[in-house]
Amino acid sequence: MAYAVNRKVGSAVERNLLRRRMRAIVSEQATELPTGAYLVRVGLDGTALDFNELKAAMTRAFEKATNKTSPQTGSTLRASNGVRT
């Protein structure tokens, strides 16, 4: 699992908080995810999400990424709120 949080998202404190939140969410869902490599990217509006909103967005993104792939983009699918898998 890799987490991509651009510097434009916010200060180092804000970016690290997002990474910690994403790690916590993934640790809760790890048993449900198929084996593989995942890159989770947060958009510029990621800092505006509270933990539950981020969790919901990541859950939707993981469901989309593990259930089907988009023919245009390969295995990269965008969920709402700027979270990509």
C-alpha atoms as a PDB file:
ATOM      1  CA  MET A   1       0.000   0.000   0.000  1.00  0.00           C
ATOM      2  CA  ALA A   2       1.364   3.396  -0.948  1.00  0.00           C
ATOM      3  CA  TYR A   3      -0.099   6.793  -0.140  1.00  0.00           C
ATOM      4  CA  ALA A   4       0.418   9.841  -2.382  1.00  0.00           C
ATOM      5  CA  VAL A   5      -0.299  13.204  -0.802  1.00  0.00           C
ATOM      6  CA  ASN A   6       0.909  16.180  -2.836  1.00  0.00           C
ATOM      7  CA  ARG A   7       2.498  19.166  -1.109  1.00  0.00           C
ATOM      8  CA  LYS A   8      -0.287  21.329  -2.509  1.00  0.00           C
ATOM      9  CA  VAL A   9      -2.715  19.518  -0.196  1.00  0.00           C
ATOM     10  CA  GLY A  10      -1.433  21.418   2.820  1.00  0.00           C
ATOM     11  CA  SER A  11       1.298  21.698   5.401  1.00  0.00           C
ATOM     12  CA  ALA A  12       3.359  18.696   6.492  1.00  0.00           C
ATOM     13  CA  VAL A  13       1.152  18.372   9.565  1.00  0.00           C
ATOM     14  CA  GLU A  14      -2.006  18.188   7.419  1.00  0.00           C
ATOM     15  CA  ARG A  15      -0.451  15.726   4.957  1.00  0.00           C
ATOM     16  CA  ASN A  16       0.778  13.461   7.749  1.00  0.00           C
ATOM     17  CA  LEU A  17      -2.644  13.530   9.407  1.00  0.00           C
ATOM     18  CA  LEU A  18      -4.204  12.376   6.114  1.00  0.00           C
ATOM     19  CA  ARG A  19      -1.653   9.569   5.798  1.00  0.00           C
ATOM     20  CA  ARG A  20      -2.319   8.412   9.359  1.00  0.00           C
ATOM     21  CA  ARG A  21      -6.059   8.444   8.737  1.00  0.00           C
ATOM     22  CA  MET A  22      -5.643   6.489   5.496  1.00  0.00           C
ATOM     23  CA  ARG A  23      -3.425   3.902   7.232  1.00  0.00           C
ATOM     24  CA  ALA A  24      -6.043   3.466   9.968  1.00  0.00           C
ATOM     25  CA  ILE A  25      -8.799   2.988   7.391  1.00  0.00           C
ATOM     26  CA  VAL A  26      -6.761   0.477   5.402  1.00  0.00           C
ATOM     27  CA  SER A  27      -5.850  -1.478   8.533  1.00  0.00           C
ATOM     28  CA  GLU A  28      -9.578  -1.877   9.270  1.00  0.00           C
ATOM     29  CA  GLN A  29     -10.280  -3.068   5.701  1.00  0.00           C
ATOM     30  CA  ALA A  30      -7.093  -5.061   5.052  1.00  0.00           C
ATOM     31  CA  THR A  31      -8.755  -8.456   5.378  1.00  0.00           C
ATOM     32  CA  GLU A  32     -11.340  -7.538   2.739  1.00  0.00           C
ATOM     33  CA  LEU A  33      -8.829  -6.349   0.123  1.00  0.00           C
ATOM     34  CA  PRO A  34      -7.438  -8.846  -2.377  1.00  0.00           C
ATOM     35  CA  THR A  35      -3.692  -9.315  -2.431  1.00  0.00           C
ATOM     36  CA  GLY A  36      -2.015  -6.744  -4.648  1.00  0.00           C
ATOM     37  CA  ALA A  37      -0.371  -3.372  -4.825  1.00  0.00           C
ATOM     38  CA  TYR A  38      -2.445  -0.273  -4.167  1.00  0.00           C
ATOM     39  CA  LEU A  39      -1.663   3.404  -4.609  1.00  0.00           C
ATOM     40  CA  VAL A  40      -4.043   5.726  -2.786  1.00  0.00           C
ATOM     41  CA  ARG A  41      -3.938   9.374  -3.862  1.00  0.00           C
ATOM     42  CA  VAL A  42      -5.689  12.216  -2.078  1.00  0.00           C
ATOM     43  CA  GLY A  43      -6.861  15.259  -4.004  1.00  0.00           C
ATOM     44  CA  LEU A  44      -6.473  18.861  -2.946  1.00  0.00           C
ATOM     45  CA  ASP A  45      -9.771  18.799  -1.063  1.00  0.00           C
ATOM     46  CA  GLY A  46      -8.677  15.852   1.096  1.00  0.00           C
ATOM     47  CA  THR A  47      -8.015  18.006   4.146  1.00  0.00           C
ATOM     48  CA  ALA A  48     -11.657  19.148   4.116  1.00  0.00           C
ATOM     49  CA  LEU A  49     -12.857  15.590   4.812  1.00  0.00           C
ATOM     50  CA  ASP A  50     -13.351  14.346   8.328  1.00  0.00           C
ATOM     51  CA  PHE A  51     -12.403  10.770   9.199  1.00  0.00           C
ATOM     52  CA  ASN A  52     -15.821   9.276   8.412  1.00  0.00           C
ATOM     53  CA  GLU A  53     -16.088  11.058   5.049  1.00  0.00           C
ATOM     54  CA  LEU A  54     -12.579   9.913   4.110  1.00  0.00           C
ATOM     55  CA  LYS A  55     -13.409   6.362   5.194  1.00  0.00           C
ATOM     56  CA  ALA A  56     -16.578   6.350   3.068  1.00  0.00           C
ATOM     57  CA  ALA A  57     -14.710   7.693   0.028  1.00  0.00           C
ATOM     58  CA  MET A  58     -11.891   5.160   0.410  1.00  0.00           C
ATOM     59  CA  THR A  59     -14.353   2.313   0.892  1.00  0.00           C
ATOM     60  CA  ARG A  60     -16.153   3.248  -2.336  1.00  0.00           C
ATOM     61  CA  ALA A  61     -12.838   3.559  -4.185  1.00  0.00           C
ATOM     62  CA  PHE A  62     -11.609   0.161  -2.966  1.00  0.00           C
ATOM     63  CA  GLU A  63     -14.916  -1.458  -3.910  1.00  0.00           C
ATOM     64  CA  LYS A  64     -14.702  -0.027  -7.413  1.00  0.00           C
ATOM     65  CA  ALA A  65     -11.039  -0.942  -7.817  1.00  0.00           C
ATOM     66  CA  THR A  66     -11.461  -4.522  -6.650  1.00  0.00           C
ATOM     67  CA  ASN A  67     -14.761  -5.319  -8.397  1.00  0.00           C
ATOM     68  CA  LYS A  68     -14.073  -3.993 -11.876  1.00  0.00           C
ATOM     69  CA  THR A  69     -11.577  -2.087 -13.963  1.00  0.00           C
ATOM     70  CA  SER A  70     -12.305   0.769 -16.287  1.00  0.00           C
ATOM     71  CA  PRO A  71     -11.322   0.097 -19.917  1.00  0.00           C
ATOM     72  CA  GLN A  72     -10.168   3.701 -20.395  1.00  0.00           C
ATOM     73  CA  THR A  73      -7.949   3.958 -17.335  1.00  0.00           C
ATOM     74  CA  GLY A  74      -6.879   0.394 -16.595  1.00  0.00           C
ATOM     75  CA  SER A  75      -7.148  -0.333 -12.895  1.00  0.00           C
ATOM     76  CA  THR A  76      -7.279   3.300 -11.759  1.00  0.00           C
ATOM     77  CA  LEU A  77     -10.707   4.492 -10.755  1.00  0.00           C
ATOM     78  CA  ARG A  78     -11.706   7.777  -9.142  1.00  0.00           C
ATOM     79  CA  ALA A  79     -14.089   7.841  -6.226  1.00  0.00           C
ATOM     80  CA  SER A  80     -15.848  10.953  -5.100  1.00  0.00           C
ATOM     81  CA  ASN A  81     -14.014  13.442  -2.889  1.00  0.00           C
ATOM     82  CA  GLY A  82     -10.753  13.126  -4.783  1.00  0.00           C
ATOM     83  CA  VAL A  83      -9.579   9.752  -3.466  1.00  0.00           C
ATOM     84  CA  ARG A  84      -8.043   7.540  -6.132  1.00  0.00           C
ATOM     85  CA  THR A  85      -6.990   3.933  -6.009  1.00  0.00           C
END
